[in-house]
Amino acid sequence: MRAVSTIRRANSVIFTMALAAIPCIARAQQADEPSVTVPGAEAPPAAAQPAAPAPPPPAASPPPAGAPPGYAPPPGYYYPPPGYAPPGYAPPPGYYYPPPPGYAAAPQPPVGVNEHDGFYLHMHFGIGYTRVHGADSAGNDVVLRGVGPSFAIALGGAMTRNLVLFGEVFTAGASNPEVLRGGTSTGNSSGDAQVGGLGFGVAYYIDPANVYFLGSIGLVTFELHDSANFTTYRSEDGIGFHGTIGKEWWVSPNWGLGIAGEFVGASLKDKANPSVTWTGTSFSLLFSTTYN
């Protein structure tokens, strides 16, 4: 009897445990089955995800060179360094890069200072070699040659910037020139042989070098006179050329000083015997001064 009672008690316990396991098995089957969305049914709201952290703001570019104190560019704005441009980049017309710190523009000279405009005064003096070739009254070939002074003064005005029209007086000659007759030297004359006259010409200046070219054409005369001022040979007035190339340096707003080379050339008829022609040439080294 006691064994039967024990068996009944064990069966009761097993039955009770089976009844308690039925709900757990049902819930496990529901979890394994795929979920079916019913049309029109709203899905349950998803769980809110935490927001991603905001990226740090871009580093501000340094202010442009020459910016006022306390200036700060807008975030992300880029100022190129002075003088920098990417390959193939061309700034728009009128664009201005700010100057570097401490920059100061060079002062500009006043208008009319160290410029060739307005009234024109040019003078030069120097020394050169002069040679005159002709004939005497007997038809003998005569050559006069030697070293002597050269002088000129010109007055005029600028027509345009650096272009000047002028009139001048000039002379070049040989002091105590050597005289050759028929190719033989007869000694030195005790006077001066001079070639000079009046001319009208133009001068052109190249700036900022202040190099000039001066040329004139005018009436020229040749004359040889002795120490007693007695004229031995003299020509008629004829056409001659006077040219100068020089360079000057500004020593004041309007005055320049410099050096130059000069050439004088002329072909003249003898005054006493028109069948005789005197040909004169002169080359000189000069000091010059100009007011303009």
Protein backbone atom coordinates (compact mmCIF):
# COMPACT_ATOMS: atom_id res chain seq x y z
CA MET A 1 0.00 0.00 0.00
CA ARG A 2 2.80 2.36 0.86
CA ALA A 3 4.42 1.79 -2.60
CA VAL A 4 1.14 2.57 -4.39
CA SER A 5 0.78 5.77 -2.43
CA THR A 6 4.33 6.80 -3.40
CA ILE A 7 3.69 6.17 -7.09
CA ARG A 8 0.52 8.27 -7.03
CA ARG A 9 2.34 11.09 -5.33
CA ALA A 10 5.12 11.06 -8.03
CA ASN A 11 2.56 11.08 -10.85
CA SER A 12 0.85 14.08 -9.27
CA VAL A 13 4.13 16.00 -9.15
CA ILE A 14 4.98 15.17 -12.80
CA PHE A 15 1.51 16.27 -13.99
CA THR A 16 1.81 19.53 -12.08
CA MET A 17 5.22 20.28 -13.64
CA ALA A 18 3.89 19.54 -17.18
CA LEU A 19 1.04 21.99 -16.71
CA ALA A 20 3.50 24.68 -15.56
CA ALA A 21 5.78 24.15 -18.64
CA ILE A 22 3.00 24.62 -21.24
CA PRO A 23 3.02 28.51 -21.11
CA CYS A 24 6.82 28.65 -21.37
CA ILE A 25 6.80 26.41 -24.47
CA ALA A 26 4.12 28.60 -26.11
CA ARG A 27 6.11 31.78 -25.52
CA ALA A 28 9.25 30.19 -26.99
CA GLN A 29 7.36 29.20 -30.16
CA GLN A 30 6.00 32.76 -30.57
CA ALA A 31 9.56 34.20 -30.30
CA ASP A 32 10.87 31.82 -32.96
CA GLU A 33 8.07 32.59 -35.45
CA PRO A 34 8.81 35.56 -37.88
CA SER A 35 6.81 38.69 -37.20
CA VAL A 36 4.09 39.50 -39.73
CA THR A 37 3.24 43.11 -40.40
CA VAL A 38 -0.44 43.66 -40.77
CA PRO A 39 -1.34 46.19 -43.50
CA GLY A 40 -2.44 49.46 -41.96
CA ALA A 41 -0.91 48.67 -38.66
CA GLU A 42 1.59 51.20 -37.33
CA ALA A 43 5.04 49.98 -36.39
CA PRO A 44 6.05 50.70 -32.90
CA PRO A 45 8.38 53.69 -32.65
CA ALA A 46 12.07 52.88 -32.86
CA ALA A 47 14.17 53.55 -29.94
CA ALA A 48 15.89 56.99 -30.17
CA GLN A 49 19.57 56.73 -31.04
CA PRO A 50 21.99 59.07 -29.29
CA ALA A 51 22.98 62.09 -31.53
CA ALA A 52 26.49 62.05 -33.03
CA PRO A 53 28.77 64.72 -31.60
CA ALA A 54 29.04 67.88 -33.81
CA PRO A 55 32.34 68.25 -35.71
CA PRO A 56 34.67 70.90 -34.34
CA PRO A 57 34.49 74.28 -36.14
CA PRO A 58 37.24 74.89 -38.76
CA ALA A 59 40.27 76.73 -37.57
CA ALA A 60 40.11 80.41 -38.43
CA SER A 61 42.68 81.63 -40.97
CA PRO A 62 45.11 84.29 -39.83
CA PRO A 63 44.06 87.87 -40.65
CA PRO A 64 45.49 89.35 -43.87
CA ALA A 65 48.74 91.24 -43.80
CA GLY A 66 48.12 94.81 -42.85
CA ALA A 67 44.71 94.09 -41.19
CA PRO A 68 43.68 96.55 -38.46
CA PRO A 69 44.19 95.52 -34.82
CA GLY A 70 41.43 93.26 -33.51
CA TYR A 71 40.32 92.13 -36.97
CA ALA A 72 39.06 88.56 -37.21
CA PRO A 73 38.08 86.97 -40.54
CA PRO A 74 34.77 85.03 -40.78
CA PRO A 75 34.96 81.30 -39.96
CA GLY A 76 36.43 79.29 -42.81
CA TYR A 77 37.53 82.31 -44.85
CA TYR A 78 40.99 82.01 -46.38
CA TYR A 79 43.33 84.90 -47.12
CA PRO A 80 46.23 84.01 -49.43
CA PRO A 81 49.59 85.30 -48.31
CA PRO A 82 50.82 88.43 -50.16
CA GLY A 83 52.09 87.59 -53.62
CA TYR A 84 50.66 84.06 -53.62
CA ALA A 85 48.32 82.80 -56.33
CA PRO A 86 47.41 79.20 -57.24
CA PRO A 87 48.63 77.94 -60.64
CA GLY A 88 46.53 79.39 -63.45
CA TYR A 89 44.76 81.83 -61.12
CA ALA A 90 44.33 85.43 -62.18
CA PRO A 91 42.73 87.92 -59.77
CA PRO A 92 39.78 89.91 -61.10
CA PRO A 93 40.50 93.37 -62.56
CA GLY A 94 41.02 95.91 -59.85
CA TYR A 95 41.64 93.32 -57.13
CA TYR A 96 44.13 94.50 -54.56
CA TYR A 97 46.17 92.32 -52.26
CA PRO A 98 46.77 94.06 -48.94
CA PRO A 99 50.36 95.27 -48.54
CA PRO A 100 52.69 93.58 -46.06
CA PRO A 101 53.09 95.12 -42.62
CA GLY A 102 55.21 98.23 -42.58
CA TYR A 103 54.88 98.85 -46.33
CA ALA A 104 54.97 102.46 -47.47
CA ALA A 105 54.66 103.61 -51.08
CA ALA A 106 57.64 105.51 -52.49
CA PRO A 107 56.95 109.25 -52.62
CA GLN A 108 56.46 110.61 -56.12
CA PRO A 109 58.34 113.75 -57.19
CA PRO A 110 56.24 116.81 -57.98
CA VAL A 111 55.18 117.36 -61.58
CA GLY A 112 57.86 119.16 -63.60
CA VAL A 113 60.77 118.06 -61.41
CA ASN A 114 63.58 116.29 -63.30
CA GLU A 115 61.59 116.39 -66.51
CA HIS A 116 62.36 117.91 -69.90
CA ASP A 117 59.54 120.37 -70.41
CA GLY A 118 59.11 124.11 -70.72
CA PHE A 119 61.97 126.54 -71.29
CA TYR A 120 65.23 125.02 -72.58
CA LEU A 121 68.79 126.29 -72.08
CA HIS A 122 71.76 124.14 -73.06
CA MET A 123 75.46 125.04 -72.96
CA HIS A 124 78.63 123.07 -73.52
CA PHE A 125 82.37 123.67 -73.69
CA GLY A 126 85.29 121.37 -74.27
CA ILE A 127 88.30 120.59 -76.39
CA GLY A 128 88.64 118.78 -79.69
CA TYR A 129 90.51 118.17 -82.91
CA THR A 130 89.71 120.26 -86.01
CA ARG A 131 90.87 119.72 -89.58
CA VAL A 132 90.15 122.02 -92.55
CA HIS A 133 91.13 121.17 -96.12
CA GLY A 134 91.20 123.58 -99.09
CA ALA A 135 93.60 125.48 -101.38
CA ASP A 136 95.50 128.79 -101.43
CA SER A 137 95.42 131.51 -104.09
CA ALA A 138 98.10 129.69 -106.11
CA GLY A 139 96.04 126.51 -106.17
CA ASN A 140 98.27 124.64 -103.74
CA ASP A 141 96.60 122.05 -101.53
CA VAL A 142 96.30 123.42 -97.96
CA VAL A 143 95.47 121.57 -94.75
CA LEU A 144 95.01 123.20 -91.33
CA ARG A 145 94.81 120.90 -88.32
CA GLY A 146 95.16 121.08 -84.57
CA VAL A 147 93.54 121.00 -81.16
CA GLY A 148 91.38 123.79 -79.83
CA PRO A 149 88.29 124.80 -77.86
CA SER A 150 84.64 124.10 -78.65
CA PHE A 151 81.67 126.08 -77.36
CA ALA A 152 77.88 126.26 -77.94
CA ILE A 153 74.77 127.77 -76.40
CA ALA A 154 71.21 126.81 -77.35
CA LEU A 155 67.83 128.33 -76.41
CA GLY A 156 64.43 126.81 -77.06
CA GLY A 157 61.43 125.04 -75.59
CA ALA A 158 59.90 121.59 -75.25
CA MET A 159 57.28 120.74 -77.87
CA THR A 160 56.35 117.45 -76.21
CA ARG A 161 57.84 115.66 -73.26
CA ASN A 162 61.55 115.05 -73.96
CA LEU A 163 61.43 116.61 -77.47
CA VAL A 164 62.92 120.12 -77.72
CA LEU A 165 63.25 122.62 -80.56
CA PHE A 166 66.05 125.17 -80.28
CA GLY A 167 68.27 127.67 -82.00
CA GLU A 168 71.99 127.80 -81.25
CA VAL A 169 75.36 129.44 -81.76
CA PHE A 170 78.36 127.10 -81.92
CA THR A 171 82.05 127.18 -82.80
CA ALA A 172 84.92 124.67 -82.87
CA GLY A 173 88.50 125.25 -83.92
CA ALA A 174 92.23 124.70 -83.66
CA SER A 175 94.60 127.02 -81.78
CA ASN A 176 97.92 127.67 -83.56
CA PRO A 177 97.07 125.00 -86.17
CA GLU A 178 99.69 123.16 -88.15
CA VAL A 179 99.75 124.25 -91.83
CA LEU A 180 100.49 121.74 -94.60
CA ARG A 181 100.94 122.81 -98.21
CA GLY A 182 101.17 120.12 -100.84
CA GLY A 183 101.40 117.54 -98.05
CA THR A 184 104.46 119.21 -96.47
CA SER A 185 104.29 120.89 -93.07
CA THR A 186 105.25 124.58 -93.06
CA GLY A 187 104.98 124.98 -89.30
CA ASN A 188 102.24 126.33 -87.12
CA SER A 189 100.18 129.41 -87.71
CA SER A 190 100.14 131.95 -84.87
CA GLY A 191 96.36 132.28 -84.92
CA ASP A 192 93.18 130.25 -84.77
CA ALA A 193 91.24 128.27 -87.36
CA GLN A 194 87.54 128.29 -86.52
CA VAL A 195 84.45 126.61 -87.94
CA GLY A 196 81.18 127.85 -86.50
CA GLY A 197 77.82 129.45 -87.14
CA LEU A 198 74.10 129.61 -86.39
CA GLY A 199 71.91 126.53 -86.41
CA PHE A 200 68.35 125.38 -85.82
CA GLY A 201 67.69 121.88 -84.53
CA VAL A 202 66.06 119.38 -82.21
CA ALA A 203 67.10 117.58 -79.04
CA TYR A 204 65.63 114.32 -77.77
CA TYR A 205 66.10 113.00 -74.22
CA ILE A 206 65.75 109.37 -73.12
CA ASP A 207 64.49 109.12 -69.56
CA PRO A 208 65.15 108.10 -66.86
CA ALA A 209 68.74 107.70 -68.14
CA ASN A 210 68.78 111.40 -69.19
CA VAL A 211 70.72 110.55 -72.36
CA TYR A 212 70.27 113.05 -75.17
CA PHE A 213 70.75 113.37 -78.93
CA LEU A 214 71.14 116.88 -80.31
CA GLY A 215 71.38 117.83 -83.96
CA SER A 216 71.16 121.07 -85.93
CA ILE A 217 71.66 122.37 -89.47
CA GLY A 218 72.62 125.98 -90.16
CA LEU A 219 74.87 128.57 -91.76
CA VAL A 220 78.55 127.87 -91.07
CA THR A 221 81.73 129.86 -91.79
CA PHE A 222 85.43 128.93 -91.78
CA GLU A 223 88.10 131.48 -90.93
CA LEU A 224 91.84 131.47 -90.23
CA HIS A 225 93.29 134.58 -88.60
CA ASP A 226 96.67 135.30 -86.99
CA SER A 227 97.55 136.69 -83.57
CA ALA A 228 97.11 140.24 -84.89
CA ASN A 229 93.55 139.29 -85.97
CA PHE A 230 94.52 139.48 -89.64
CA THR A 231 92.42 137.09 -91.72
CA THR A 232 94.45 134.72 -93.89
CA TYR A 233 91.66 132.47 -95.20
CA ARG A 234 87.92 132.91 -95.08
CA SER A 235 84.93 131.15 -96.62
CA GLU A 236 81.48 132.17 -97.68
CA ASP A 237 78.56 131.15 -95.48
CA GLY A 238 77.51 127.61 -96.24
CA ILE A 239 75.50 124.70 -94.90
CA GLY A 240 76.92 122.75 -91.99
CA PHE A 241 75.85 120.11 -89.49
CA HIS A 242 76.35 120.08 -85.72
CA GLY A 243 75.60 116.94 -83.70
CA THR A 244 76.03 115.95 -80.05
CA ILE A 245 75.43 112.79 -78.02
CA GLY A 246 75.64 113.07 -74.25
CA LYS A 247 74.49 112.06 -70.80
CA GLU A 248 73.63 114.29 -67.88
CA TRP A 249 72.84 113.78 -64.19
CA TRP A 250 70.26 115.85 -62.34
CA VAL A 251 71.82 118.13 -59.73
CA SER A 252 68.62 120.09 -58.93
CA PRO A 253 64.95 119.91 -59.94
CA ASN A 254 65.75 121.56 -63.31
CA TRP A 255 69.53 121.57 -63.81
CA GLY A 256 71.60 118.73 -65.21
CA LEU A 257 75.37 118.34 -65.65
CA GLY A 258 77.11 115.82 -67.86
CA ILE A 259 79.52 114.87 -70.62
CA ALA A 260 79.10 114.61 -74.39
CA GLY A 261 80.78 113.98 -77.72
CA GLU A 262 80.46 116.47 -80.59
CA PHE A 263 80.81 116.43 -84.38
CA VAL A 264 80.88 119.42 -86.73
CA GLY A 265 80.97 119.09 -90.52
CA ALA A 266 80.74 121.68 -93.31
CA SER A 267 81.57 122.24 -96.98
CA LEU A 268 82.18 125.93 -97.84
CA LYS A 269 83.23 128.06 -100.81
CA ASP A 270 86.26 130.33 -100.46
CA LYS A 271 85.26 133.98 -100.17
CA ALA A 272 88.01 135.31 -102.46
CA ASN A 273 88.04 132.40 -104.93
CA PRO A 274 84.68 130.57 -105.30
CA SER A 275 86.38 127.79 -107.25
CA VAL A 276 88.08 126.67 -104.02
CA THR A 277 86.04 124.62 -101.52
CA TRP A 278 86.95 124.32 -97.86
CA THR A 279 85.90 121.15 -96.05
CA GLY A 280 85.95 121.30 -92.27
CA THR A 281 85.44 118.60 -89.66
CA SER A 282 85.78 118.69 -85.89
CA PHE A 283 85.48 116.10 -83.08
CA SER A 284 85.33 117.27 -79.44
CA LEU A 285 84.86 115.98 -75.91
CA LEU A 286 82.55 118.24 -73.91
CA PHE A 287 81.14 119.12 -70.53
CA SER A 288 77.49 120.11 -70.75
CA THR A 289 74.82 121.72 -68.61
CA THR A 290 71.09 122.00 -69.28
CA TYR A 291 68.19 123.85 -67.69
CA ASN A 292 64.80 122.41 -68.56
